[in-house]
Amino acid sequence: RHGADPLELAQGMVLLPNNRAVRAVGDAFVRASRGG
């Protein structure tokens, strides 16, 4: 939805329940990005 413009994605905010969820979602972004 927002990845066409890397800056648009970077400016967004995702509220998550706890620090464990933050780590899980961060790892998921790395897997889905296939790069920087």
ModelCIF file with pLDDT and N, C-alpha, C, O atoms, coordinates in Angstrom:
data_MODEL
#
_entry.id   MODEL 
#
_entity.id                         1 
_entity.type                       polymer 
_entity.pdbx_number_of_molecules   1 
#
_entity_poly.entity_id                      1 
_entity_poly.type                           'polypeptide(L)' 
_entity_poly.nstd_linkage                   no 
_entity_poly.nstd_monomer                   no 
_entity_poly.pdbx_seq_one_letter_code       RHGADPLELAQGMVLLPNNRAVRAVGDAFVRASRGG 
_entity_poly.pdbx_seq_one_letter_code_can   RHGADPLELAQGMVLLPNNRAVRAVGDAFVRASRGG 
_entity_poly.pdbx_strand_id                 A 
#
loop_
_entity_poly_seq.entity_id 
_entity_poly_seq.num 
_entity_poly_seq.mon_id 
_entity_poly_seq.hetero 
1 1  ARG n 
1 2  HIS n 
1 3  GLY n 
1 4  ALA n 
1 5  ASP n 
1 6  PRO n 
1 7  LEU n 
1 8  GLU n 
1 9  LEU n 
1 10 ALA n 
1 11 GLN n 
1 12 GLY n 
1 13 MET n 
1 14 VAL n 
1 15 LEU n 
1 16 LEU n 
1 17 PRO n 
1 18 ASN n 
1 19 ASN n 
1 20 ARG n 
1 21 ALA n 
1 22 VAL n 
1 23 ARG n 
1 24 ALA n 
1 25 VAL n 
1 26 GLY n 
1 27 ASP n 
1 28 ALA n 
1 29 PHE n 
1 30 VAL n 
1 31 ARG n 
1 32 ALA n 
1 33 SER n 
1 34 ARG n 
1 35 GLY n 
1 36 GLY n 
#
_struct_asym.id          A 
_struct_asym.entity_id   1 
#
loop_
_ma_qa_metric.id 
_ma_qa_metric.mode 
_ma_qa_metric.name 
_ma_qa_metric.software_group_id 
_ma_qa_metric.type 
1 global pLDDT . pLDDT 
2 local  pLDDT . pLDDT 
#
_ma_qa_metric_global.metric_id      1 
_ma_qa_metric_global.metric_value   90.78 
_ma_qa_metric_global.model_id       1 
_ma_qa_metric_global.ordinal_id     1 
#
loop_
_ma_qa_metric_local.label_asym_id 
_ma_qa_metric_local.label_comp_id 
_ma_qa_metric_local.label_seq_id 
_ma_qa_metric_local.metric_id 
_ma_qa_metric_local.metric_value 
_ma_qa_metric_local.model_id 
_ma_qa_metric_local.ordinal_id 
A ARG 1  2 93.00 1 1  
A HIS 2  2 92.00 1 2  
A GLY 3  2 85.00 1 3  
A ALA 4  2 85.00 1 4  
A ASP 5  2 87.00 1 5  
A PRO 6  2 81.00 1 6  
A LEU 7  2 89.00 1 7  
A GLU 8  2 91.00 1 8  
A LEU 9  2 93.00 1 9  
A ALA 10 2 93.00 1 10 
A GLN 11 2 93.00 1 11 
A GLY 12 2 94.00 1 12 
A MET 13 2 95.00 1 13 
A VAL 14 2 96.00 1 14 
A LEU 15 2 95.00 1 15 
A LEU 16 2 95.00 1 16 
A PRO 17 2 93.00 1 17 
A ASN 18 2 91.00 1 18 
A ASN 19 2 90.00 1 19 
A ARG 20 2 93.00 1 20 
A ALA 21 2 95.00 1 21 
A VAL 22 2 93.00 1 22 
A ARG 23 2 95.00 1 23 
A ALA 24 2 97.00 1 24 
A VAL 25 2 97.00 1 25 
A GLY 26 2 95.00 1 26 
A ASP 27 2 95.00 1 27 
A ALA 28 2 96.00 1 28 
A PHE 29 2 95.00 1 29 
A VAL 30 2 92.00 1 30 
A ARG 31 2 92.00 1 31 
A ALA 32 2 92.00 1 32 
A SER 33 2 87.00 1 33 
A ARG 34 2 77.00 1 34 
A GLY 35 2 72.00 1 35 
A GLY 36 2 74.00 1 36 
#
loop_
_atom_site.group_PDB 
_atom_site.id 
_atom_site.type_symbol 
_atom_site.label_atom_id 
_atom_site.label_alt_id 
_atom_site.label_comp_id 
_atom_site.label_asym_id 
_atom_site.label_entity_id 
_atom_site.label_seq_id 
_atom_site.pdbx_PDB_ins_code 
_atom_site.Cartn_x 
_atom_site.Cartn_y 
_atom_site.Cartn_z 
_atom_site.occupancy 
_atom_site.B_iso_or_equiv 
_atom_site.pdbx_formal_charge 
_atom_site.auth_seq_id 
_atom_site.auth_comp_id 
_atom_site.auth_asym_id 
_atom_site.auth_atom_id 
_atom_site.pdbx_PDB_model_num 
ATOM 1   N N  . ARG A 1 1  ? 0.809  -1.221  0.000  1.00 93.00 ? 1  ARG A N  1 
ATOM 2   C CA . ARG A 1 1  ? 0.000  0.000   0.000  1.00 93.00 ? 1  ARG A CA 1 
ATOM 3   C C  . ARG A 1 1  ? 0.839  1.266   0.000  1.00 93.00 ? 1  ARG A C  1 
ATOM 4   O O  . ARG A 1 1  ? 0.465  2.256   -0.630 1.00 93.00 ? 1  ARG A O  1 
ATOM 5   N N  . HIS A 1 2  ? 1.968  1.248   0.698  1.00 92.00 ? 2  HIS A N  1 
ATOM 6   C CA . HIS A 1 2  ? 2.750  2.476   0.862  1.00 92.00 ? 2  HIS A CA 1 
ATOM 7   C C  . HIS A 1 2  ? 4.185  2.356   0.362  1.00 92.00 ? 2  HIS A C  1 
ATOM 8   O O  . HIS A 1 2  ? 4.925  3.339   0.385  1.00 92.00 ? 2  HIS A O  1 
ATOM 9   N N  . GLY A 1 3  ? 4.589  1.176   -0.088 1.00 85.00 ? 3  GLY A N  1 
ATOM 10  C CA . GLY A 1 3  ? 5.996  0.959   -0.409 1.00 85.00 ? 3  GLY A CA 1 
ATOM 11  C C  . GLY A 1 3  ? 6.464  1.513   -1.735 1.00 85.00 ? 3  GLY A C  1 
ATOM 12  O O  . GLY A 1 3  ? 7.665  1.518   -2.003 1.00 85.00 ? 3  GLY A O  1 
ATOM 13  N N  . ALA A 1 4  ? 5.543  1.986   -2.583 1.00 85.00 ? 4  ALA A N  1 
ATOM 14  C CA . ALA A 1 4  ? 5.977  2.544   -3.867 1.00 85.00 ? 4  ALA A CA 1 
ATOM 15  C C  . ALA A 1 4  ? 6.889  3.745   -3.652 1.00 85.00 ? 4  ALA A C  1 
ATOM 16  O O  . ALA A 1 4  ? 7.830  3.968   -4.413 1.00 85.00 ? 4  ALA A O  1 
ATOM 17  N N  . ASP A 1 5  ? 6.603  4.504   -2.619 1.00 87.00 ? 5  ASP A N  1 
ATOM 18  C CA . ASP A 1 5  ? 7.451  5.630   -2.238 1.00 87.00 ? 5  ASP A CA 1 
ATOM 19  C C  . ASP A 1 5  ? 8.107  5.273   -0.904 1.00 87.00 ? 5  ASP A C  1 
ATOM 20  O O  . ASP A 1 5  ? 7.432  5.267   0.126  1.00 87.00 ? 5  ASP A O  1 
ATOM 21  N N  . PRO A 1 6  ? 9.402  4.976   -0.901 1.00 81.00 ? 6  PRO A N  1 
ATOM 22  C CA . PRO A 1 6  ? 10.073 4.574   0.354  1.00 81.00 ? 6  PRO A CA 1 
ATOM 23  C C  . PRO A 1 6  ? 9.911  5.590   1.475  1.00 81.00 ? 6  PRO A C  1 
ATOM 24  O O  . PRO A 1 6  ? 9.834  5.216   2.645  1.00 81.00 ? 6  PRO A O  1 
ATOM 25  N N  . LEU A 1 7  ? 9.859  6.883   1.125  1.00 89.00 ? 7  LEU A N  1 
ATOM 26  C CA . LEU A 1 7  ? 9.713  7.904   2.158  1.00 89.00 ? 7  LEU A CA 1 
ATOM 27  C C  . LEU A 1 7  ? 8.314  7.881   2.760  1.00 89.00 ? 7  LEU A C  1 
ATOM 28  O O  . LEU A 1 7  ? 8.148  8.159   3.948  1.00 89.00 ? 7  LEU A O  1 
ATOM 29  N N  . GLU A 1 8  ? 7.311  7.555   1.961  1.00 91.00 ? 8  GLU A N  1 
ATOM 30  C CA . GLU A 1 8  ? 5.948  7.464   2.499  1.00 91.00 ? 8  GLU A CA 1 
ATOM 31  C C  . GLU A 1 8  ? 5.863  6.363   3.546  1.00 91.00 ? 8  GLU A C  1 
ATOM 32  O O  . GLU A 1 8  ? 5.245  6.546   4.595  1.00 91.00 ? 8  GLU A O  1 
ATOM 33  N N  . LEU A 1 9  ? 6.474  5.234   3.269  1.00 93.00 ? 9  LEU A N  1 
ATOM 34  C CA . LEU A 1 9  ? 6.475  4.133   4.233  1.00 93.00 ? 9  LEU A CA 1 
ATOM 35  C C  . LEU A 1 9  ? 7.235  4.516   5.496  1.00 93.00 ? 9  LEU A C  1 
ATOM 36  O O  . LEU A 1 9  ? 6.805  4.204   6.607  1.00 93.00 ? 9  LEU A O  1 
ATOM 37  N N  . ALA A 1 10 ? 8.366  5.194   5.320  1.00 93.00 ? 10 ALA A N  1 
ATOM 38  C CA . ALA A 1 10 ? 9.207  5.552   6.468  1.00 93.00 ? 10 ALA A CA 1 
ATOM 39  C C  . ALA A 1 10 ? 8.548  6.591   7.366  1.00 93.00 ? 10 ALA A C  1 
ATOM 40  O O  . ALA A 1 10 ? 8.847  6.653   8.558  1.00 93.00 ? 10 ALA A O  1 
ATOM 41  N N  . GLN A 1 11 ? 7.663  7.401   6.815  1.00 93.00 ? 11 GLN A N  1 
ATOM 42  C CA . GLN A 1 11 ? 7.027  8.456   7.607  1.00 93.00 ? 11 GLN A CA 1 
ATOM 43  C C  . GLN A 1 11 ? 5.827  7.953   8.404  1.00 93.00 ? 11 GLN A C  1 
ATOM 44  O O  . GLN A 1 11 ? 5.314  8.662   9.270  1.00 93.00 ? 11 GLN A O  1 
ATOM 45  N N  . GLY A 1 12 ? 5.374  6.725   8.111  1.00 94.00 ? 12 GLY A N  1 
ATOM 46  C CA . GLY A 1 12 ? 4.217  6.190   8.797  1.00 94.00 ? 12 GLY A CA 1 
ATOM 47  C C  . GLY A 1 12 ? 4.548  5.680   10.189 1.00 94.00 ? 12 GLY A C  1 
ATOM 48  O O  . GLY A 1 12 ? 5.714  5.607   10.579 1.00 94.00 ? 12 GLY A O  1 
ATOM 49  N N  . MET A 1 13 ? 3.505  5.329   10.932 1.00 95.00 ? 13 MET A N  1 
ATOM 50  C CA . MET A 1 13 ? 3.653  4.820   12.293 1.00 95.00 ? 13 MET A CA 1 
ATOM 51  C C  . MET A 1 13 ? 2.761  3.596   12.464 1.00 95.00 ? 13 MET A C  1 
ATOM 52  O O  . MET A 1 13 ? 1.611  3.587   12.024 1.00 95.00 ? 13 MET A O  1 
ATOM 53  N N  . VAL A 1 14 ? 3.301  2.566   13.105 1.00 96.00 ? 14 VAL A N  1 
ATOM 54  C CA . VAL A 1 14 ? 2.551  1.349   13.410 1.00 96.00 ? 14 VAL A CA 1 
ATOM 55  C C  . VAL A 1 14 ? 2.549  1.175   14.921 1.00 96.00 ? 14 VAL A C  1 
ATOM 56  O O  . VAL A 1 14 ? 3.602  1.003   15.535 1.00 96.00 ? 14 VAL A O  1 
ATOM 57  N N  . LEU A 1 15 ? 1.369  1.220   15.514 1.00 95.00 ? 15 LEU A N  1 
ATOM 58  C CA . LEU A 1 15 ? 1.224  0.997   16.953 1.00 95.00 ? 15 LEU A CA 1 
ATOM 59  C C  . LEU A 1 15 ? 1.028  -0.493  17.193 1.00 95.00 ? 15 LEU A C  1 
ATOM 60  O O  . LEU A 1 15 ? 0.150  -1.115  16.593 1.00 95.00 ? 15 LEU A O  1 
ATOM 61  N N  . LEU A 1 16 ? 1.843  -1.063  18.068 1.00 95.00 ? 16 LEU A N  1 
ATOM 62  C CA . LEU A 1 16 ? 1.823  -2.499  18.330 1.00 95.00 ? 16 LEU A CA 1 
ATOM 63  C C  . LEU A 1 16 ? 1.682  -2.748  19.828 1.00 95.00 ? 16 LEU A C  1 
ATOM 64  O O  . LEU A 1 16 ? 1.964  -1.859  20.632 1.00 95.00 ? 16 LEU A O  1 
ATOM 65  N N  . PRO A 1 17 ? 1.247  -3.949  20.210 1.00 93.00 ? 17 PRO A N  1 
ATOM 66  C CA . PRO A 1 17 ? 0.938  -4.175  21.633 1.00 93.00 ? 17 PRO A CA 1 
ATOM 67  C C  . PRO A 1 17 ? 2.132  -4.176  22.567 1.00 93.00 ? 17 PRO A C  1 
ATOM 68  O O  . PRO A 1 17 ? 2.007  -3.718  23.703 1.00 93.00 ? 17 PRO A O  1 
ATOM 69  N N  . ASN A 1 18 ? 3.289  -4.673  22.134 1.00 91.00 ? 18 ASN A N  1 
ATOM 70  C CA . ASN A 1 18 ? 4.422  -4.786  23.051 1.00 91.00 ? 18 ASN A CA 1 
ATOM 71  C C  . ASN A 1 18 ? 5.720  -4.863  22.254 1.00 91.00 ? 18 ASN A C  1 
ATOM 72  O O  . ASN A 1 18 ? 5.708  -4.883  21.023 1.00 91.00 ? 18 ASN A O  1 
ATOM 73  N N  . ASN A 1 19 ? 6.825  -4.907  22.964 1.00 90.00 ? 19 ASN A N  1 
ATOM 74  C CA . ASN A 1 19 ? 8.140  -4.920  22.318 1.00 90.00 ? 19 ASN A CA 1 
ATOM 75  C C  . ASN A 1 19 ? 8.382  -6.200  21.528 1.00 90.00 ? 19 ASN A C  1 
ATOM 76  O O  . ASN A 1 19 ? 9.091  -6.183  20.522 1.00 90.00 ? 19 ASN A O  1 
ATOM 77  N N  . ARG A 1 20 ? 7.803  -7.302  21.972 1.00 93.00 ? 20 ARG A N  1 
ATOM 78  C CA . ARG A 1 20 ? 7.937  -8.552  21.222 1.00 93.00 ? 20 ARG A CA 1 
ATOM 79  C C  . ARG A 1 20 ? 7.292  -8.422  19.843 1.00 93.00 ? 20 ARG A C  1 
ATOM 80  O O  . ARG A 1 20 ? 7.835  -8.904  18.850 1.00 93.00 ? 20 ARG A O  1 
ATOM 81  N N  . ALA A 1 21 ? 6.136  -7.771  19.788 1.00 95.00 ? 21 ALA A N  1 
ATOM 82  C CA . ALA A 1 21 ? 5.468  -7.555  18.504 1.00 95.00 ? 21 ALA A CA 1 
ATOM 83  C C  . ALA A 1 21 ? 6.278  -6.617  17.618 1.00 95.00 ? 21 ALA A C  1 
ATOM 84  O O  . ALA A 1 21 ? 6.313  -6.786  16.400 1.00 95.00 ? 21 ALA A O  1 
ATOM 85  N N  . VAL A 1 22 ? 6.926  -5.632  18.226 1.00 93.00 ? 22 VAL A N  1 
ATOM 86  C CA . VAL A 1 22 ? 7.773  -4.721  17.448 1.00 93.00 ? 22 VAL A CA 1 
ATOM 87  C C  . VAL A 1 22 ? 8.897  -5.493  16.777 1.00 93.00 ? 22 VAL A C  1 
ATOM 88  O O  . VAL A 1 22 ? 9.186  -5.270  15.602 1.00 93.00 ? 22 VAL A O  1 
ATOM 89  N N  . ARG A 1 23 ? 9.531  -6.394  17.508 1.00 95.00 ? 23 ARG A N  1 
ATOM 90  C CA . ARG A 1 23 ? 10.608 -7.197  16.918 1.00 95.00 ? 23 ARG A CA 1 
ATOM 91  C C  . ARG A 1 23 ? 10.081 -8.098  15.807 1.00 95.00 ? 23 ARG A C  1 
ATOM 92  O O  . ARG A 1 23 ? 10.710 -8.230  14.758 1.00 95.00 ? 23 ARG A O  1 
ATOM 93  N N  . ALA A 1 24 ? 8.934  -8.713  16.037 1.00 97.00 ? 24 ALA A N  1 
ATOM 94  C CA . ALA A 1 24 ? 8.369  -9.621  15.041 1.00 97.00 ? 24 ALA A CA 1 
ATOM 95  C C  . ALA A 1 24 ? 7.999  -8.890  13.761 1.00 97.00 ? 24 ALA A C  1 
ATOM 96  O O  . ALA A 1 24 ? 8.279  -9.379  12.667 1.00 97.00 ? 24 ALA A O  1 
ATOM 97  N N  . VAL A 1 25 ? 7.376  -7.728  13.882 1.00 97.00 ? 25 VAL A N  1 
ATOM 98  C CA . VAL A 1 25 ? 6.977  -6.963  12.696 1.00 97.00 ? 25 VAL A CA 1 
ATOM 99  C C  . VAL A 1 25 ? 8.210  -6.404  11.994 1.00 97.00 ? 25 VAL A C  1 
ATOM 100 O O  . VAL A 1 25 ? 8.260  -6.371  10.764 1.00 97.00 ? 25 VAL A O  1 
ATOM 101 N N  . GLY A 1 26 ? 9.205  -5.964  12.762 1.00 95.00 ? 26 GLY A N  1 
ATOM 102 C CA . GLY A 1 26 ? 10.430 -5.485  12.129 1.00 95.00 ? 26 GLY A CA 1 
ATOM 103 C C  . GLY A 1 26 ? 11.113 -6.575  11.322 1.00 95.00 ? 26 GLY A C  1 
ATOM 104 O O  . GLY A 1 26 ? 11.588 -6.326  10.213 1.00 95.00 ? 26 GLY A O  1 
ATOM 105 N N  . ASP A 1 27 ? 11.165 -7.783  11.874 1.00 95.00 ? 27 ASP A N  1 
ATOM 106 C CA . ASP A 1 27 ? 11.745 -8.912  11.131 1.00 95.00 ? 27 ASP A CA 1 
ATOM 107 C C  . ASP A 1 27 ? 10.909 -9.237  9.894  1.00 95.00 ? 27 ASP A C  1 
ATOM 108 O O  . ASP A 1 27 ? 11.453 -9.594  8.850  1.00 95.00 ? 27 ASP A O  1 
ATOM 109 N N  . ALA A 1 28 ? 9.594  -9.112  10.013 1.00 96.00 ? 28 ALA A N  1 
ATOM 110 C CA . ALA A 1 28 ? 8.728  -9.398  8.874  1.00 96.00 ? 28 ALA A CA 1 
ATOM 111 C C  . ALA A 1 28 ? 8.955  -8.401  7.743  1.00 96.00 ? 28 ALA A C  1 
ATOM 112 O O  . ALA A 1 28 ? 8.922  -8.776  6.571  1.00 96.00 ? 28 ALA A O  1 
ATOM 113 N N  . PHE A 1 29 ? 9.185  -7.133  8.086  1.00 95.00 ? 29 PHE A N  1 
ATOM 114 C CA . PHE A 1 29 ? 9.487  -6.138  7.055  1.00 95.00 ? 29 PHE A CA 1 
ATOM 115 C C  . PHE A 1 29 ? 10.786 -6.502  6.328  1.00 95.00 ? 29 PHE A C  1 
ATOM 116 O O  . PHE A 1 29 ? 10.883 -6.361  5.109  1.00 95.00 ? 29 PHE A O  1 
ATOM 117 N N  . VAL A 1 30 ? 11.776 -6.968  7.086  1.00 92.00 ? 30 VAL A N  1 
ATOM 118 C CA . VAL A 1 30 ? 13.048 -7.354  6.464  1.00 92.00 ? 30 VAL A CA 1 
ATOM 119 C C  . VAL A 1 30 ? 12.830 -8.507  5.497  1.00 92.00 ? 30 VAL A C  1 
ATOM 120 O O  . VAL A 1 30 ? 13.373 -8.499  4.392  1.00 92.00 ? 30 VAL A O  1 
ATOM 121 N N  . ARG A 1 31 ? 12.043 -9.498  5.899  1.00 92.00 ? 31 ARG A N  1 
ATOM 122 C CA . ARG A 1 31 ? 11.766 -10.637 5.019  1.00 92.00 ? 31 ARG A CA 1 
ATOM 123 C C  . ARG A 1 31 ? 11.004 -10.210 3.772  1.00 92.00 ? 31 ARG A C  1 
ATOM 124 O O  . ARG A 1 31 ? 11.272 -10.700 2.675  1.00 92.00 ? 31 ARG A O  1 
ATOM 125 N N  . ALA A 1 32 ? 10.053 -9.296  3.944  1.00 92.00 ? 32 ALA A N  1 
ATOM 126 C CA . ALA A 1 32 ? 9.208  -8.901  2.809  1.00 92.00 ? 32 ALA A CA 1 
ATOM 127 C C  . ALA A 1 32 ? 9.900  -7.937  1.868  1.00 92.00 ? 32 ALA A C  1 
ATOM 128 O O  . ALA A 1 32 ? 9.519  -7.841  0.701  1.00 92.00 ? 32 ALA A O  1 
ATOM 129 N N  . SER A 1 33 ? 10.916 -7.213  2.347  1.00 87.00 ? 33 SER A N  1 
ATOM 130 C CA . SER A 1 33 ? 11.540 -6.177  1.519  1.00 87.00 ? 33 SER A CA 1 
ATOM 131 C C  . SER A 1 33 ? 12.478 -6.741  0.470  1.00 87.00 ? 33 SER A C  1 
ATOM 132 O O  . SER A 1 33 ? 12.628 -6.174  -0.612 1.00 87.00 ? 33 SER A O  1 
ATOM 133 N N  . ARG A 1 34 ? 13.121 -7.884  0.804  1.00 77.00 ? 34 ARG A N  1 
ATOM 134 C CA . ARG A 1 34 ? 14.099 -8.492  -0.113 1.00 77.00 ? 34 ARG A CA 1 
ATOM 135 C C  . ARG A 1 34 ? 15.197 -7.507  -0.494 1.00 77.00 ? 34 ARG A C  1 
ATOM 136 O O  . ARG A 1 34 ? 15.679 -7.510  -1.626 1.00 77.00 ? 34 ARG A O  1 
ATOM 137 N N  . GLY A 1 35 ? 15.581 -6.681  0.439  1.00 72.00 ? 35 GLY A N  1 
ATOM 138 C CA . GLY A 1 35 ? 16.627 -5.701  0.175  1.00 72.00 ? 35 GLY A CA 1 
ATOM 139 C C  . GLY A 1 35 ? 16.514 -4.561  1.173  1.00 72.00 ? 35 GLY A C  1 
ATOM 140 O O  . GLY A 1 35 ? 15.936 -4.728  2.246  1.00 72.00 ? 35 GLY A O  1 
ATOM 141 N N  . GLY A 1 36 ? 17.064 -3.404  0.825  1.00 74.00 ? 36 GLY A N  1 
ATOM 142 C CA . GLY A 1 36 ? 17.015 -2.262  1.717  1.00 74.00 ? 36 GLY A CA 1 
ATOM 143 C C  . GLY A 1 36 ? 15.607 -1.702  1.833  1.00 74.00 ? 36 GLY A C  1 
ATOM 144 O O  . GLY A 1 36 ? 15.387 -0.728  2.553  1.00 74.00 ? 36 GLY A O  1 
#
